[in-house]
Amino acid sequence: MKMIKKYNNKAILRSLLIVFLLLSLLLSSACSKEENRETVPSANTRTITDCIGREVKVPVQINRIACLCPESAYTLAMFGQGDKMVAVVGGVKRDLILTEMYPGIKDLPVPKSSAVINIEELVKTDPDVVFVKKDSFSSEAEVQKLNKSKLPFLVIDFNSMKEQQYAIEMMGLVLGADDKAQKFNDYYQNCIERVQKRVGLIPQEKRAKVYHSINEATRTDIKGSLSADWLEAAGADNVSIDKNLKTLEGKYFASLEQILLWNPEVILVNEIGVADYILTNTQWAPLQAVKNKKVWQLPNGISRWGHPSSPETPLAILWTAQTLYPEKFLDLDMAAETRSFYKDFFGLELSEEVVDRIIAGEGMRIARSQ
């Protein structure tokens, strides 16, 4: 009997041990699944690093996009996805080629004025993702609005050609247009290299002295801006760089007295009417650029070439380099280059007349006063 009793105790202990091991395995498996739920993203979302390093979960399938910065609207058009826009900023409604490509833009809501977002109006558009400019993200009040709305938002910000290329790459990832983004960035880099081969060795003292007007006659560039970067790549000696400029709402202005002291050889402007204003205003008359009538309107296509929000930076580099140093770019057919650019990246077949108007910067953007 003792032997049978001893045997039964062993059997019970063995059974208990097996049960314990099975329970341990089950618990371990459950914990592992729980960990996976926390660390592996949902199949319906992906994590994107935006231009300021924020990691944001966005839907894999995106059909509705709020473009609260012009950069994103132009890029959507380049990717052939302009019909996904459900909100825009007012400025893009003035770009005639863009609104001809996507007429619906004219009727879209504008839930942003300056850096202030009308969050109720934005939420009504029911976007899958929102692209915002850094000016909005720099305001704690605007960030709180966006966070409270639970809308996924990505910050678009770039102050150099390299950073602009990353922004294009990032938007390509978000919109499933990686190949188009890469094709554009390859062309962008190629344009830089083509120009640098011809102007890169020009000594600083022999470079053309250029004043660049942004929107308004006295608004200009600072060091560490996209405009400063591409103008340097084009071989310009940008007279406003490293100078003491006035700041107003994140924009930089020179005084007319400063500009007269700099006495630029060339003035480039990107807003309609500014060139005429400078050429006909007697206060600007002493400048050598005015005396020699070297005050030129930058071209204007989908957007204003060389503007901080423009995707046409590569074309701006080519055009500016040829304008400043025509003898070094005798073989560059700017009309052919322009036609190819819009066909390759925007799917547009442009007539000779339209190409000429783009390069002249005429009739492609509604003036602010209209």
Protein backbone atom coordinates (compact mmCIF):
# COMPACT_ATOMS: atom_id res chain seq x y z
CA MET A 1 0.00 0.00 0.00
CA LYS A 2 2.84 2.34 0.82
CA MET A 3 4.32 1.80 -2.61
CA ILE A 4 1.00 2.56 -4.30
CA LYS A 5 0.55 5.71 -2.15
CA LYS A 6 4.08 6.87 -2.95
CA TYR A 7 3.46 6.26 -6.62
CA ASN A 8 0.23 8.30 -6.54
CA ASN A 9 1.97 11.26 -4.86
CA LYS A 10 4.61 11.25 -7.58
CA ALA A 11 1.93 11.11 -10.23
CA ILE A 12 0.11 14.05 -8.66
CA LEU A 13 3.32 16.10 -8.45
CA ARG A 14 4.15 15.28 -12.05
CA SER A 15 0.67 16.31 -13.19
CA LEU A 16 0.87 19.57 -11.25
CA LEU A 17 4.25 20.33 -12.81
CA ILE A 18 2.88 19.75 -16.32
CA VAL A 19 -0.11 22.00 -15.63
CA PHE A 20 2.22 24.70 -14.27
CA LEU A 21 4.43 24.54 -17.36
CA LEU A 22 1.43 24.75 -19.69
CA LEU A 23 0.07 27.77 -17.83
CA SER A 24 3.48 29.46 -18.04
CA LEU A 25 3.63 28.93 -21.79
CA LEU A 26 0.12 30.29 -22.26
CA LEU A 27 0.86 33.38 -20.16
CA SER A 28 4.13 33.95 -22.02
CA SER A 29 2.34 33.74 -25.37
CA ALA A 30 -0.35 36.17 -24.22
CA CYS A 31 2.27 38.66 -23.01
CA SER A 32 4.14 38.36 -26.29
CA LYS A 33 0.97 39.13 -28.25
CA GLU A 34 0.28 42.11 -25.99
CA GLU A 35 3.80 43.44 -26.57
CA ASN A 36 3.37 43.05 -30.32
CA ARG A 37 0.18 45.10 -30.22
CA GLU A 38 2.11 47.90 -28.57
CA THR A 39 5.26 47.89 -30.71
CA VAL A 40 4.01 46.88 -34.17
CA PRO A 41 2.05 49.65 -35.92
CA SER A 42 -1.43 48.97 -37.20
CA ALA A 43 -1.63 47.71 -40.77
CA ASN A 44 -3.75 50.80 -41.47
CA THR A 45 -1.14 53.35 -40.37
CA ARG A 46 2.52 54.11 -40.87
CA THR A 47 4.97 56.31 -38.98
CA ILE A 48 6.44 59.29 -40.85
CA THR A 49 9.18 61.64 -39.66
CA ASP A 50 8.24 65.17 -40.68
CA CYS A 51 10.53 68.09 -41.52
CA ILE A 52 11.20 69.03 -37.89
CA GLY A 53 11.82 65.46 -36.69
CA ARG A 54 8.38 64.64 -35.25
CA GLU A 55 7.26 61.03 -35.66
CA VAL A 56 3.63 60.97 -36.72
CA LYS A 57 1.27 58.07 -37.41
CA VAL A 58 -0.68 58.66 -40.61
CA PRO A 59 -3.13 56.45 -42.50
CA VAL A 60 -1.69 54.22 -45.21
CA GLN A 61 -4.67 55.06 -47.42
CA ILE A 62 -4.99 58.83 -47.80
CA ASN A 63 -7.80 60.34 -49.85
CA ARG A 64 -8.48 63.69 -48.19
CA ILE A 65 -5.67 66.19 -47.57
CA ALA A 66 -5.72 69.63 -45.97
CA CYS A 67 -2.92 71.74 -47.45
CA LEU A 68 -2.37 74.51 -44.92
CA CYS A 69 0.88 75.47 -46.64
CA PRO A 70 1.37 76.14 -50.36
CA GLU A 71 4.35 73.77 -50.54
CA SER A 72 2.07 70.77 -50.02
CA ALA A 73 -0.48 71.93 -52.61
CA TYR A 74 2.19 72.28 -55.30
CA THR A 75 3.68 68.91 -54.39
CA LEU A 76 0.30 67.17 -54.56
CA ALA A 77 -0.13 68.60 -58.06
CA MET A 78 3.32 67.29 -59.00
CA PHE A 79 2.34 63.83 -57.74
CA GLY A 80 -0.93 63.96 -59.71
CA GLN A 81 -3.00 63.96 -56.52
CA GLY A 82 -4.37 67.51 -56.50
CA ASP A 83 -7.94 66.22 -56.49
CA LYS A 84 -7.37 64.96 -52.93
CA MET A 85 -7.12 68.51 -51.55
CA VAL A 86 -10.02 69.41 -49.25
CA ALA A 87 -8.59 72.67 -47.83
CA VAL A 88 -5.91 75.11 -49.00
CA VAL A 89 -4.30 78.45 -48.22
CA GLY A 90 -5.55 81.47 -50.13
CA GLY A 91 -2.35 82.09 -52.10
CA VAL A 92 -2.63 78.96 -54.25
CA LYS A 93 -5.99 80.16 -55.59
CA ARG A 94 -4.05 82.90 -57.38
CA ASP A 95 -1.87 80.42 -59.32
CA LEU A 96 -3.59 80.06 -62.69
CA ILE A 97 -1.90 76.91 -64.01
CA LEU A 98 -2.60 75.13 -60.73
CA THR A 99 -6.27 76.12 -60.70
CA GLU A 100 -6.59 75.15 -64.35
CA MET A 101 -5.19 71.70 -63.53
CA TYR A 102 -7.52 71.37 -60.53
CA PRO A 103 -10.47 73.79 -60.90
CA GLY A 104 -11.99 72.59 -57.62
CA ILE A 105 -9.26 74.47 -55.73
CA LYS A 106 -11.14 77.72 -56.35
CA ASP A 107 -14.04 76.54 -54.18
CA LEU A 108 -12.08 74.88 -51.36
CA PRO A 109 -12.26 76.32 -47.84
CA VAL A 110 -9.32 78.33 -46.50
CA PRO A 111 -9.14 77.47 -42.78
CA LYS A 112 -5.94 79.42 -42.15
CA SER A 113 -5.08 83.12 -42.12
CA SER A 114 -1.42 84.01 -41.57
CA ALA A 115 -0.41 81.44 -38.93
CA VAL A 116 -3.86 81.17 -37.31
CA ILE A 117 -5.95 78.06 -38.01
CA ASN A 118 -9.74 78.00 -37.86
CA ILE A 119 -9.85 74.54 -36.32
CA GLU A 120 -13.64 74.16 -36.58
CA GLU A 121 -13.54 74.84 -40.31
CA LEU A 122 -10.56 72.50 -40.71
CA VAL A 123 -12.28 69.63 -38.87
CA LYS A 124 -15.36 70.04 -41.10
CA THR A 125 -13.24 69.15 -44.13
CA ASP A 126 -12.60 65.72 -42.56
CA PRO A 127 -8.97 65.34 -43.75
CA ASP A 128 -7.00 62.10 -43.43
CA VAL A 129 -3.85 64.17 -42.96
CA VAL A 130 -2.99 67.86 -42.58
CA PHE A 131 0.17 69.55 -43.88
CA VAL A 132 1.05 72.69 -41.91
CA LYS A 133 3.80 75.27 -42.10
CA LYS A 134 6.20 75.82 -39.23
CA ASP A 135 4.68 79.24 -38.51
CA SER A 136 1.58 77.49 -37.16
CA PHE A 137 3.58 74.89 -35.25
CA SER A 138 5.65 77.64 -33.65
CA SER A 139 2.52 78.87 -31.87
CA GLU A 140 1.61 76.86 -28.77
CA ALA A 141 -2.04 77.87 -29.16
CA GLU A 142 -2.17 76.50 -32.73
CA VAL A 143 -0.45 73.26 -31.70
CA GLN A 144 -2.97 72.77 -28.90
CA LYS A 145 -5.82 73.23 -31.38
CA LEU A 146 -4.35 70.64 -33.72
CA ASN A 147 -3.60 68.16 -30.94
CA LYS A 148 -7.11 68.50 -29.53
CA SER A 149 -8.63 67.87 -32.97
CA LYS A 150 -6.85 64.46 -33.13
CA LEU A 151 -6.09 65.10 -36.81
CA PRO A 152 -2.69 63.74 -37.87
CA PHE A 153 -0.57 66.67 -39.02
CA LEU A 154 2.89 66.95 -40.55
CA VAL A 155 5.05 70.07 -40.43
CA ILE A 156 6.56 71.23 -43.74
CA ASP A 157 9.66 73.33 -43.21
CA PHE A 158 12.86 73.83 -45.20
CA ASN A 159 15.55 76.49 -45.31
CA SER A 160 17.98 74.95 -47.78
CA MET A 161 17.92 73.00 -51.02
CA LYS A 162 18.79 69.80 -49.16
CA GLU A 163 15.94 70.32 -46.71
CA GLN A 164 13.52 71.03 -49.56
CA GLN A 165 14.50 67.74 -51.16
CA TYR A 166 13.80 65.94 -47.87
CA ALA A 167 10.36 67.59 -47.67
CA ILE A 168 9.57 66.31 -51.18
CA GLU A 169 10.82 62.85 -50.21
CA MET A 170 8.74 62.86 -47.02
CA MET A 171 5.56 63.89 -48.84
CA GLY A 172 6.28 61.18 -51.41
CA LEU A 173 6.34 58.59 -48.60
CA VAL A 174 3.07 59.88 -47.16
CA LEU A 175 1.29 59.86 -50.51
CA GLY A 176 2.74 56.66 -51.96
CA ALA A 177 4.65 58.63 -54.59
CA ASP A 178 8.20 57.65 -53.60
CA ASP A 179 9.27 57.12 -57.21
CA LYS A 180 8.03 60.53 -58.36
CA ALA A 181 9.71 62.24 -55.42
CA GLN A 182 13.00 60.51 -56.19
CA LYS A 183 12.79 61.42 -59.88
CA PHE A 184 12.23 65.08 -58.96
CA ASN A 185 15.09 65.14 -56.44
CA ASP A 186 17.44 63.53 -58.96
CA TYR A 187 16.61 66.30 -61.46
CA TYR A 188 16.98 68.96 -58.75
CA GLN A 189 20.45 67.72 -57.84
CA ASN A 190 21.42 67.45 -61.50
CA CYS A 191 20.50 71.11 -62.07
CA ILE A 192 22.67 72.19 -59.14
CA GLU A 193 25.62 70.20 -60.48
CA ARG A 194 25.19 71.48 -64.06
CA VAL A 195 25.31 75.08 -62.87
CA GLN A 196 28.09 74.59 -60.34
CA LYS A 197 30.39 73.19 -63.03
CA ARG A 198 30.22 76.58 -64.75
CA VAL A 199 29.92 79.12 -61.93
CA GLY A 200 31.40 77.33 -58.93
CA LEU A 201 34.91 78.67 -59.49
CA ILE A 202 33.93 82.33 -60.02
CA PRO A 203 35.69 84.33 -57.26
CA GLN A 204 33.37 86.11 -54.83
CA GLU A 205 34.58 89.56 -55.90
CA LYS A 206 33.67 88.80 -59.53
CA ARG A 207 30.20 87.46 -58.85
CA ALA A 208 27.18 89.54 -59.87
CA LYS A 209 25.84 91.61 -56.95
CA VAL A 210 22.16 90.71 -56.68
CA TYR A 211 19.31 92.06 -54.58
CA HIS A 212 16.38 89.62 -54.34
CA SER A 213 12.93 91.02 -53.60
CA ILE A 214 10.37 88.61 -52.10
CA ASN A 215 6.73 89.69 -52.55
CA GLU A 216 7.41 93.31 -51.55
CA ALA A 217 10.14 95.62 -52.84
CA THR A 218 12.07 95.76 -49.56
CA ARG A 219 11.45 92.22 -48.29
CA THR A 220 14.52 90.08 -48.92
CA ASP A 221 16.74 87.12 -47.96
CA ILE A 222 18.69 86.22 -44.86
CA LYS A 223 21.48 83.72 -44.44
CA GLY A 224 20.09 80.26 -43.78
CA SER A 225 17.07 80.62 -46.07
CA LEU A 226 16.18 78.60 -49.16
CA SER A 227 16.41 81.70 -51.37
CA ALA A 228 19.89 82.46 -50.09
CA ASP A 229 20.94 78.87 -50.77
CA TRP A 230 19.72 78.62 -54.36
CA LEU A 231 20.99 82.09 -55.28
CA GLU A 232 24.44 81.09 -54.07
CA ALA A 233 24.19 77.90 -56.15
CA ALA A 234 23.34 80.09 -59.17
CA GLY A 235 26.54 82.10 -58.65
CA ALA A 236 25.02 85.28 -57.19
CA ASP A 237 26.62 87.56 -54.61
CA ASN A 238 23.48 88.14 -52.55
CA VAL A 239 23.86 91.65 -51.08
CA SER A 240 21.39 91.22 -48.20
CA ILE A 241 23.09 88.19 -46.63
CA ASP A 242 24.62 88.76 -43.19
CA LYS A 243 23.14 92.26 -43.02
CA ASN A 244 21.10 93.83 -40.22
CA LEU A 245 17.51 93.47 -41.46
CA LYS A 246 14.25 94.39 -39.77
CA THR A 247 12.01 91.50 -38.73
CA LEU A 248 8.22 91.56 -38.94
CA GLU A 249 6.11 88.42 -38.38
CA GLY A 250 9.00 86.18 -39.39
CA LYS A 251 9.75 88.15 -42.57
CA TYR A 252 12.88 90.19 -43.21
CA PHE A 253 13.05 93.70 -44.63
CA ALA A 254 15.83 96.03 -45.74
CA SER A 255 15.50 99.79 -45.68
CA LEU A 256 15.78 101.67 -48.96
CA GLU A 257 18.85 103.41 -47.54
CA GLN A 258 20.54 100.02 -47.06
CA ILE A 259 19.69 98.94 -50.60
CA LEU A 260 21.11 102.20 -51.98
CA LEU A 261 24.35 101.55 -50.09
CA TRP A 262 24.56 97.98 -51.40
CA ASN A 263 23.97 99.31 -54.94
CA PRO A 264 23.24 95.93 -56.58
CA GLU A 265 24.04 95.30 -60.24
CA VAL A 266 20.92 93.18 -60.65
CA ILE A 267 17.54 93.13 -58.89
CA LEU A 268 15.35 90.03 -59.08
CA VAL A 269 11.71 90.24 -58.01
CA ASN A 270 9.08 87.53 -57.70
CA GLU A 271 5.83 89.48 -57.33
CA ILE A 272 3.86 90.99 -60.21
CA GLY A 273 4.22 94.76 -60.44
CA VAL A 274 7.28 95.09 -58.19
CA ALA A 275 9.75 95.41 -61.08
CA ASP A 276 7.71 98.26 -62.60
CA TYR A 277 7.48 99.93 -59.19
CA ILE A 278 11.26 99.83 -58.72
CA LEU A 279 12.02 100.99 -62.27
CA THR A 280 9.64 103.95 -62.10
CA ASN A 281 10.11 105.09 -58.49
CA THR A 282 12.56 107.99 -58.31
CA GLN A 283 13.82 106.87 -54.88
CA TRP A 284 15.26 103.74 -56.50
CA ALA A 285 16.71 105.60 -59.49
CA PRO A 286 20.32 105.94 -58.18
CA LEU A 287 20.83 102.16 -58.22
CA GLN A 288 23.03 100.81 -61.02
CA ALA A 289 20.52 97.97 -61.55
CA VAL A 290 17.81 100.55 -62.25
CA LYS A 291 20.04 102.74 -64.43
CA ASN A 292 21.02 99.71 -66.53
CA LYS A 293 17.46 98.32 -66.51
CA LYS A 294 18.60 95.08 -64.92
CA VAL A 295 15.52 94.72 -62.74
CA TRP A 296 14.00 91.43 -63.75
CA GLN A 297 10.84 89.55 -62.94
CA LEU A 298 11.54 85.94 -62.01
CA PRO A 299 9.57 83.41 -64.07
CA ASN A 300 6.21 82.17 -62.83
CA GLY A 301 4.69 78.78 -63.65
CA ILE A 302 2.86 76.51 -61.24
CA SER A 303 4.25 78.97 -58.68
CA ARG A 304 6.79 81.80 -58.55
CA TRP A 305 10.19 80.32 -59.38
CA GLY A 306 12.59 80.59 -56.47
CA HIS A 307 9.90 81.58 -53.95
CA PRO A 308 10.39 79.90 -50.55
CA SER A 309 7.39 77.63 -51.22
CA SER A 310 8.07 76.88 -54.89
CA PRO A 311 8.88 73.43 -56.31
CA GLU A 312 10.48 75.16 -59.30
CA THR A 313 13.73 75.89 -57.46
CA PRO A 314 15.77 73.82 -59.97
CA LEU A 315 14.47 75.98 -62.83
CA ALA A 316 15.14 79.15 -60.83
CA ILE A 317 18.78 78.11 -60.45
CA LEU A 318 19.18 77.49 -64.19
CA TRP A 319 17.39 80.69 -65.24
CA THR A 320 19.24 82.90 -62.75
CA ALA A 321 22.66 81.47 -63.63
CA GLN A 322 22.01 82.04 -67.34
CA THR A 323 20.65 85.55 -66.68
CA LEU A 324 23.71 86.56 -64.63
CA TYR A 325 26.32 84.80 -66.79
CA PRO A 326 24.85 84.38 -70.29
CA GLU A 327 28.26 83.70 -71.83
CA LYS A 328 28.61 80.56 -69.70
CA PHE A 329 25.21 79.14 -70.70
CA LEU A 330 25.00 79.71 -74.44
CA ASP A 331 23.93 76.09 -74.93
CA LEU A 332 21.08 76.23 -72.39
CA ASP A 333 17.68 76.41 -74.10
CA MET A 334 15.56 77.66 -71.21
CA ALA A 335 12.31 77.31 -73.17
CA ALA A 336 13.01 73.64 -73.94
CA GLU A 337 14.10 73.02 -70.34
CA THR A 338 10.89 74.61 -69.06
CA ARG A 339 8.67 72.64 -71.42
CA SER A 340 10.32 69.35 -70.44
CA PHE A 341 10.07 70.13 -66.72
CA TYR A 342 6.31 70.65 -66.74
CA LYS A 343 5.74 67.63 -68.97
CA ASP A 344 7.92 65.31 -66.89
CA PHE A 345 6.79 66.41 -63.44
CA PHE A 346 3.27 67.78 -63.92
CA GLY A 347 2.09 65.98 -67.05
CA LEU A 348 1.48 69.26 -68.88
CA GLU A 349 1.91 69.83 -72.61
CA LEU A 350 2.58 73.56 -72.82
CA SER A 351 2.37 75.66 -75.96
CA GLU A 352 5.23 77.90 -77.02
CA GLU A 353 3.14 80.94 -76.04
CA VAL A 354 2.53 79.65 -72.50
CA VAL A 355 6.21 78.78 -72.04
CA ASP A 356 7.18 82.30 -73.13
CA ARG A 357 4.72 83.79 -70.63
CA ILE A 358 6.04 81.57 -67.83
CA ILE A 359 9.64 82.65 -68.47
CA ALA A 360 8.58 86.29 -68.69
CA GLY A 361 6.69 85.89 -65.41
CA GLU A 362 3.55 87.30 -66.98
CA GLY A 363 -0.09 86.34 -66.58
CA MET A 364 0.34 83.16 -64.54
CA ARG A 365 -0.63 84.54 -61.15
CA ILE A 366 -3.43 86.87 -60.14
CA ALA A 367 -2.06 90.02 -58.54
CA ARG A 368 -2.93 90.68 -54.89
CA SER A 369 -4.85 93.81 -55.84
CA GLN A 370 -7.24 91.95 -58.16
